[in-house]
N, C-alpha and C. Protein backbone atom coordinates (compact mmCIF):
# COMPACT_ATOMS: atom_id res chain seq x y z
N MET A 1 82.41 158.62 109.24
CA MET A 1 81.80 159.41 110.29
C MET A 1 80.04 159.04 109.35
N TYR A 2 78.89 158.33 110.06
CA TYR A 2 78.03 157.79 109.62
C TYR A 2 76.24 158.43 110.46
N GLU A 3 76.03 158.51 109.29
CA GLU A 3 74.80 158.30 110.25
C GLU A 3 73.80 157.81 109.87
N ILE A 4 72.67 157.61 111.15
CA ILE A 4 72.55 155.76 111.07
C ILE A 4 71.00 157.19 111.83
N ILE A 5 69.79 156.26 111.16
CA ILE A 5 68.85 156.17 111.40
C ILE A 5 68.78 155.49 112.13
N VAL A 6 67.51 155.58 113.28
CA VAL A 6 67.53 154.12 114.38
C VAL A 6 65.99 153.99 113.34
N HIS A 7 65.20 154.61 112.88
CA HIS A 7 63.81 154.08 112.07
C HIS A 7 63.99 153.46 111.47
N ASP A 8 65.17 153.89 110.65
CA ASP A 8 64.95 152.70 109.32
C ASP A 8 66.09 151.78 109.12
N LYS A 9 65.42 150.78 109.41
CA LYS A 9 66.12 149.13 109.48
C LYS A 9 66.99 148.72 109.11
N ALA A 10 66.77 149.25 107.57
CA ALA A 10 67.14 148.91 106.11
C ALA A 10 68.55 149.35 105.93
N LEU A 11 68.25 151.24 106.03
CA LEU A 11 69.38 152.31 105.90
C LEU A 11 70.58 151.77 106.93
N ILE A 12 70.40 151.21 107.29
CA ILE A 12 71.31 150.96 108.79
C ILE A 12 72.22 149.30 108.77
N TYR A 13 71.49 148.31 107.58
CA TYR A 13 71.85 147.82 107.22
C TYR A 13 72.28 148.12 105.38
N PHE A 14 72.19 148.71 104.76
CA PHE A 14 73.10 149.24 104.10
C PHE A 14 74.31 149.66 104.34
N TYR A 15 73.97 150.97 105.14
CA TYR A 15 75.41 151.12 106.01
C TYR A 15 76.31 150.14 106.09
N THR A 16 75.75 149.88 107.14
CA THR A 16 77.54 148.29 107.82
C THR A 16 77.56 147.26 106.83
N GLY A 17 76.97 146.75 105.74
CA GLY A 17 76.33 145.48 104.78
C GLY A 17 77.76 146.01 103.79
N PHE A 18 77.75 147.69 103.81
CA PHE A 18 78.55 148.46 102.35
C PHE A 18 80.09 148.27 102.79
N GLN A 19 79.88 148.39 104.33
CA GLN A 19 81.63 148.59 104.82
C GLN A 19 81.37 146.36 104.98
N THR A 20 81.35 145.89 105.14
CA THR A 20 81.56 144.20 105.32
C THR A 20 82.35 144.35 103.96
N ILE A 21 81.52 144.97 102.69
CA ILE A 21 81.86 144.09 101.49
C ILE A 21 82.74 144.99 101.28
N LYS A 22 83.48 146.15 102.17
CA LYS A 22 84.44 147.36 101.42
C LYS A 22 85.81 146.34 101.81
N ILE A 23 85.42 145.94 103.56
CA ILE A 23 86.21 145.11 104.70
C ILE A 23 86.93 144.26 103.26
N HIS A 24 85.78 143.29 102.83
CA HIS A 24 86.38 141.55 102.21
C HIS A 24 87.02 141.85 101.03
N PHE A 25 86.73 143.06 100.19
CA PHE A 25 87.38 143.16 98.94
C PHE A 25 89.05 143.50 99.48
N MET A 26 89.12 143.92 100.54
CA MET A 26 90.48 144.76 101.29
C MET A 26 91.55 143.37 101.04
N LYS A 27 90.69 142.80 101.91
CA LYS A 27 91.30 140.98 102.40
C LYS A 27 91.70 140.40 101.77
N ILE A 28 90.84 140.30 100.30
CA ILE A 28 90.55 139.48 99.08
C ILE A 28 92.27 140.57 98.14
N VAL A 29 92.11 141.62 97.94
CA VAL A 29 93.30 141.91 97.62
C VAL A 29 94.64 142.30 97.85
N LEU A 30 94.62 141.73 99.13
CA LEU A 30 95.55 142.40 100.13
C LEU A 30 96.86 140.49 99.89
N LEU A 31 95.30 139.94 100.00
CA LEU A 31 96.06 138.28 100.13
C LEU A 31 96.24 138.32 98.80
N GLY A 32 96.15 138.74 97.43
CA GLY A 32 95.89 138.34 96.46
C GLY A 32 97.92 138.76 95.66
N LEU A 33 97.76 139.78 96.78
CA LEU A 33 99.12 140.16 96.33
C LEU A 33 100.26 139.55 97.31
N ILE A 34 99.76 139.56 98.48
CA ILE A 34 100.92 138.57 98.82
C ILE A 34 101.14 136.81 98.16
N LEU A 35 99.59 136.70 97.87
CA LEU A 35 100.52 135.30 97.29
C LEU A 35 100.59 136.00 95.44
N LEU A 36 101.26 136.81 94.85
CA LEU A 36 101.29 136.99 93.51
C LEU A 36 102.09 137.72 93.46
N LEU A 37 103.52 138.30 95.01
CA LEU A 37 104.58 138.52 95.29
C LEU A 37 105.67 137.86 94.59
N PRO A 38 105.73 136.75 95.37
CA PRO A 38 107.20 136.06 94.64
C PRO A 38 107.33 135.79 93.95
N PHE A 39 105.82 135.60 93.58
CA PHE A 39 106.56 135.41 91.16
C PHE A 39 106.83 136.63 90.81
N ALA A 40 106.27 137.34 90.79
CA ALA A 40 106.75 138.69 90.55
C ALA A 40 108.33 138.88 91.02
N GLY A 41 108.11 138.74 91.46
CA GLY A 41 109.76 139.15 92.59
C GLY A 41 111.06 138.18 91.58
N LYS A 42 110.21 136.73 90.72
CA LYS A 42 111.36 135.76 90.47
C LYS A 42 111.61 135.78 88.39
N SER A 43 109.94 136.84 88.78
CA SER A 43 110.39 136.99 86.71
C SER A 43 111.10 138.05 86.35
N GLN A 44 110.56 139.37 87.40
CA GLN A 44 111.74 140.26 87.41
C GLN A 44 113.66 139.77 87.47
N THR A 45 113.86 138.57 87.97
CA THR A 45 115.05 138.29 88.51
C THR A 45 115.11 137.43 86.86
N GLY A 46 114.74 136.61 86.27
CA GLY A 46 114.62 135.26 85.25
C GLY A 46 114.94 136.78 84.16
N LEU A 47 114.51 138.62 84.07
CA LEU A 47 114.27 138.87 82.89
C LEU A 47 115.73 140.21 82.98
N SER A 48 116.00 140.44 84.22
CA SER A 48 117.18 141.00 85.30
C SER A 48 118.34 140.35 84.35
N ALA A 49 118.05 139.05 84.42
CA ALA A 49 119.26 137.77 84.69
C ALA A 49 119.32 137.42 82.72
N HIS A 50 119.00 137.49 82.18
CA HIS A 50 118.63 137.49 80.39
C HIS A 50 118.90 138.85 79.89
N THR A 51 118.64 140.18 80.63
CA THR A 51 118.94 141.40 79.92
C THR A 51 120.68 141.39 80.02
N LEU A 52 120.94 141.40 81.67
CA LEU A 52 122.65 141.33 81.91
C LEU A 52 123.39 140.25 81.07
N ALA A 53 122.67 139.08 80.23
CA ALA A 53 123.48 138.44 79.20
C ALA A 53 123.21 138.46 77.83
N CYS A 54 122.42 138.69 77.84
CA CYS A 54 122.14 139.91 75.90
C CYS A 54 123.13 140.64 75.60
N GLU A 55 123.30 142.18 76.82
CA GLU A 55 124.51 142.87 76.73
C GLU A 55 125.75 142.43 77.52
N ASN A 56 126.40 141.72 77.74
CA ASN A 56 127.58 141.10 78.14
C ASN A 56 127.74 140.26 76.70
N VAL A 57 125.93 139.72 76.17
CA VAL A 57 127.09 139.02 74.54
C VAL A 57 127.25 140.28 73.65
N THR A 58 125.95 140.57 73.98
CA THR A 58 126.68 141.49 72.77
C THR A 58 127.68 142.25 72.83
N ARG A 59 127.97 142.73 74.17
CA ARG A 59 129.75 143.21 74.42
C ARG A 59 130.78 142.41 73.48
N TYR A 60 130.80 141.26 73.81
CA TYR A 60 131.81 140.09 73.42
C TYR A 60 131.67 140.25 71.48
N LEU A 61 130.29 140.19 71.85
CA LEU A 61 129.69 139.81 69.78
C LEU A 61 131.17 140.96 69.55
N GLN A 62 131.09 142.79 69.44
CA GLN A 62 131.81 144.09 68.85
C GLN A 62 132.83 143.73 69.31
N GLU A 63 133.33 142.98 70.09
CA GLU A 63 135.14 142.85 70.21
C GLU A 63 135.35 141.68 70.25
N LYS A 64 135.52 140.42 70.34
CA LYS A 64 136.13 139.53 69.88
C LYS A 64 135.45 139.45 68.37
N ILE A 65 134.45 139.32 67.87
CA ILE A 65 133.95 137.77 67.23
C ILE A 65 133.24 139.16 65.48
N ILE A 66 132.96 139.65 65.33
CA ILE A 66 132.26 140.60 64.71
C ILE A 66 132.68 142.00 64.66
N LYS A 67 133.75 142.85 64.85
CA LYS A 67 134.75 143.42 64.27
C LYS A 67 133.98 144.55 63.95
N ASP A 68 133.99 144.60 62.29
CA ASP A 68 133.35 145.68 61.51
C ASP A 68 131.54 146.21 61.17
N ALA A 69 131.12 145.36 61.79
CA ALA A 69 129.51 145.75 62.22
C ALA A 69 129.31 146.13 63.28
N LEU A 70 128.80 147.63 63.74
CA LEU A 70 128.50 148.17 64.37
C LEU A 70 127.62 148.44 64.35
N PRO A 71 125.32 148.84 64.11
CA PRO A 71 125.87 147.60 66.09
C PRO A 71 125.32 146.23 65.57
N VAL A 72 124.97 145.06 66.03
CA VAL A 72 125.00 143.83 65.84
C VAL A 72 124.04 143.21 66.22
N LYS A 73 123.62 143.14 64.33
CA LYS A 73 122.03 142.96 64.87
C LYS A 73 121.53 140.85 64.64
N GLY A 74 121.00 140.94 65.60
CA GLY A 74 119.94 139.50 65.74
C GLY A 74 119.24 139.60 66.23
N ASN A 75 118.87 138.14 66.38
CA ASN A 75 117.45 137.85 67.88
C ASN A 75 118.42 137.14 68.94
N PHE A 76 118.43 137.26 70.70
CA PHE A 76 118.52 136.09 71.70
C PHE A 76 117.62 135.74 71.67
N GLY A 77 117.86 133.89 71.66
CA GLY A 77 117.41 132.85 72.61
C GLY A 77 116.93 133.35 73.99
N LYS A 78 116.57 132.28 74.23
CA LYS A 78 116.39 132.35 75.92
C LYS A 78 117.29 131.45 76.91
N LEU A 79 117.36 132.41 77.10
CA LEU A 79 118.68 131.62 78.75
C LEU A 79 118.21 130.48 79.18
N THR A 80 119.15 129.39 79.40
CA THR A 80 118.87 127.80 79.49
C THR A 80 119.92 127.84 80.65
N GLU A 81 119.45 126.70 80.99
CA GLU A 81 121.07 126.45 82.52
C GLU A 81 121.13 125.58 82.47
N VAL A 82 123.21 125.61 82.44
CA VAL A 82 123.11 123.68 81.05
C VAL A 82 123.30 123.09 82.49
N LYS A 83 123.87 121.73 82.24
CA LYS A 83 124.50 120.55 83.83
C LYS A 83 125.58 120.52 82.38
N ASN A 84 126.70 119.94 83.19
CA ASN A 84 127.95 119.34 82.43
C ASN A 84 128.34 119.44 81.59
N ASP A 85 128.05 119.96 80.96
CA ASP A 85 129.02 120.80 79.99
C ASP A 85 129.81 121.40 79.79
N ILE A 86 130.00 122.24 80.48
CA ILE A 86 132.02 122.53 80.10
C ILE A 86 131.91 123.23 81.70
N LYS A 87 132.15 122.89 82.25
CA LYS A 87 132.72 123.18 84.18
C LYS A 87 132.14 124.81 84.66
N GLU A 88 132.59 125.71 83.57
CA GLU A 88 132.76 127.13 84.41
C GLU A 88 131.05 127.91 83.97
N ALA A 89 130.73 126.87 82.74
CA ALA A 89 129.60 127.26 82.54
C ALA A 89 128.48 127.29 83.07
N ARG A 90 127.68 127.81 83.34
CA ARG A 90 126.20 127.53 84.67
C ARG A 90 124.63 127.37 83.44
N PHE A 91 125.09 128.91 81.76
CA PHE A 91 124.03 129.45 81.71
C PHE A 91 124.37 128.52 80.15
N ARG A 92 123.25 129.35 79.16
CA ARG A 92 123.58 129.72 77.86
C ARG A 92 122.70 129.96 77.28
N ILE A 93 122.32 130.94 75.62
CA ILE A 93 122.08 131.98 75.39
C ILE A 93 122.69 131.51 73.62
N ASP A 94 121.19 132.10 72.52
CA ASP A 94 121.94 131.39 71.92
C ASP A 94 121.53 132.85 71.06
N PHE A 95 122.23 132.58 70.33
CA PHE A 95 122.02 134.50 69.49
C PHE A 95 122.32 134.35 67.42
N PHE A 96 121.08 134.49 66.95
CA PHE A 96 120.34 134.37 65.79
C PHE A 96 121.02 135.18 64.65
N ARG A 97 121.77 135.31 63.81
CA ARG A 97 122.12 136.62 62.57
C ARG A 97 122.12 135.69 61.70
N ALA A 98 120.86 137.03 61.29
CA ALA A 98 120.73 136.35 59.50
C ALA A 98 121.62 138.03 57.89
N GLU A 99 122.00 137.15 56.79
CA GLU A 99 122.56 137.97 56.85
C GLU A 99 122.09 138.03 55.09
N GLN A 100 121.72 138.88 55.00
CA GLN A 100 121.44 139.13 53.14
C GLN A 100 122.90 138.65 51.74
N SER A 101 122.35 138.45 51.23
CA SER A 101 123.62 138.00 49.84
C SER A 101 123.50 138.14 48.70
N THR A 102 123.94 138.71 47.61
CA THR A 102 122.96 138.39 46.38
C THR A 102 124.24 137.90 45.04
N LYS A 103 123.36 136.74 45.03
CA LYS A 103 123.60 135.20 44.00
C LYS A 103 123.65 135.63 42.89
N THR A 104 124.60 136.09 41.77
CA THR A 104 124.63 136.89 39.95
C THR A 104 123.98 135.23 39.79
N SER A 105 123.52 134.73 38.22
CA SER A 105 123.24 133.81 37.61
C SER A 105 124.12 133.99 35.89
N PHE A 106 124.98 133.94 36.03
CA PHE A 106 125.41 134.56 34.27
C PHE A 106 124.26 134.33 32.78
N VAL A 107 123.82 133.05 33.61
CA VAL A 107 123.77 131.80 32.78
C VAL A 107 121.87 132.50 32.31
N LYS A 108 121.29 132.45 33.13
CA LYS A 108 119.81 133.49 32.85
C LYS A 108 119.60 134.76 32.78
N ASN A 109 121.13 135.88 33.73
CA ASN A 109 121.06 137.05 34.02
C ASN A 109 120.16 137.41 34.43
N THR A 110 119.94 136.69 35.97
CA THR A 110 118.64 137.07 37.10
C THR A 110 120.05 137.05 38.19
N LYS A 111 119.21 137.58 39.42
CA LYS A 111 119.92 138.06 40.40
C LYS A 111 119.15 137.35 41.59
N THR A 112 119.86 136.95 43.12
CA THR A 112 118.76 135.95 43.44
C THR A 112 119.29 136.44 45.10
N GLN A 113 118.57 136.29 46.12
CA GLN A 113 118.91 136.75 47.33
C GLN A 113 118.52 135.52 48.20
N ILE A 114 119.80 135.25 48.33
CA ILE A 114 120.47 134.15 49.56
C ILE A 114 119.79 135.15 51.11
N GLN A 115 119.46 134.03 52.34
CA GLN A 115 120.02 134.41 53.20
C GLN A 115 120.91 132.99 54.15
N LYS A 116 121.51 133.82 54.97
CA LYS A 116 122.73 133.11 55.49
C LYS A 116 122.38 133.38 56.76
N ILE A 117 122.02 131.73 57.49
CA ILE A 117 122.24 132.54 58.88
C ILE A 117 122.09 131.79 59.58
N SER A 118 123.41 132.60 60.32
CA SER A 118 124.53 132.39 61.83
C SER A 118 123.38 132.11 63.14
N LYS A 119 124.45 131.22 64.03
CA LYS A 119 123.95 130.65 65.40
C LYS A 119 125.23 130.78 66.03
N PHE A 120 125.06 131.21 67.02
CA PHE A 120 126.21 131.72 68.28
C PHE A 120 125.54 130.71 69.68
N SER A 121 126.22 129.73 69.79
CA SER A 121 126.02 129.63 71.35
C SER A 121 127.04 130.28 71.84
N PHE A 122 126.46 130.66 73.13
CA PHE A 122 127.34 131.84 74.41
C PHE A 122 126.99 130.70 75.17
N TYR A 123 128.43 129.92 76.24
CA TYR A 123 127.68 128.95 77.81
C TYR A 123 128.57 130.66 78.48
N LEU A 124 127.98 130.62 79.61
CA LEU A 124 127.65 132.57 80.75
C LEU A 124 128.68 130.98 81.60
N ASP A 125 129.29 132.07 82.45
CA ASP A 125 129.62 131.41 84.30
C ASP A 125 127.81 132.24 84.97
N LYS A 126 128.48 132.11 86.40
CA LYS A 126 127.62 131.83 87.82
C LYS A 126 127.22 134.01 87.20
N GLU A 127 128.67 134.59 87.14
CA GLU A 127 127.95 135.72 87.03
C GLU A 127 127.92 137.23 85.88
N MET A 128 127.44 135.99 84.18
CA MET A 128 126.97 136.11 82.61
C MET A 128 128.24 136.29 81.81
N ASN A 129 129.38 136.17 82.83
CA ASN A 129 130.14 136.43 81.48
C ASN A 129 130.56 135.45 80.98
N VAL A 130 131.32 135.62 79.13
CA VAL A 130 131.06 134.84 78.30
C VAL A 130 132.40 133.71 78.93
N VAL A 131 131.97 132.74 78.54
CA VAL A 131 133.15 132.10 78.82
C VAL A 131 133.70 130.83 77.52
N GLN A 132 132.95 130.39 76.55
CA GLN A 132 133.06 129.68 75.86
C GLN A 132 131.74 129.80 74.61
N ALA A 133 132.41 130.14 73.25
CA ALA A 133 131.91 130.65 72.34
C ALA A 133 131.30 129.34 71.28
N PHE A 134 130.11 129.14 70.48
CA PHE A 134 130.00 128.12 69.95
C PHE A 134 129.84 129.08 68.33
N PHE A 135 130.36 128.17 67.09
CA PHE A 135 129.43 128.94 65.74
C PHE A 135 128.97 127.79 65.04
N SER A 136 127.91 128.19 64.24
CA SER A 136 126.82 127.22 63.24
C SER A 136 126.76 127.37 62.13
N GLU A 137 126.65 127.46 61.37
CA GLU A 137 125.37 127.91 60.09
C GLU A 137 125.01 127.20 59.27
N ASN A 138 123.96 127.90 59.19
CA ASN A 138 123.02 126.78 58.12
C ASN A 138 123.02 127.46 56.02
């Protein structure tokens, strides 16, 4: 309910102008949400696929490759779609693991720390299960 004073035209314009601005603002917000909703859904799907791939690869590493070291520590790369590399594989994700080792030199009586980086490439099927794994070491 609005209290409209007939004698003061500025006050009438203020009330109706405020309502018009409010309605336009709500239209803009609603239009923005409608336009951004498909992008938000796609980004969430990509994030969920990457998370599922990381969980499956971690489980594969713990069960088949690195049995003694729990938990598996390392960094995952991006989940990328592959074409024509391996028939069953649809996606690929890389896993990087850094290991510290100490090298002792008896001539100089010094200890040097060496960092060895291992790279695992995992090929996944459409259900994000590991199909093949490749290993390379630097």
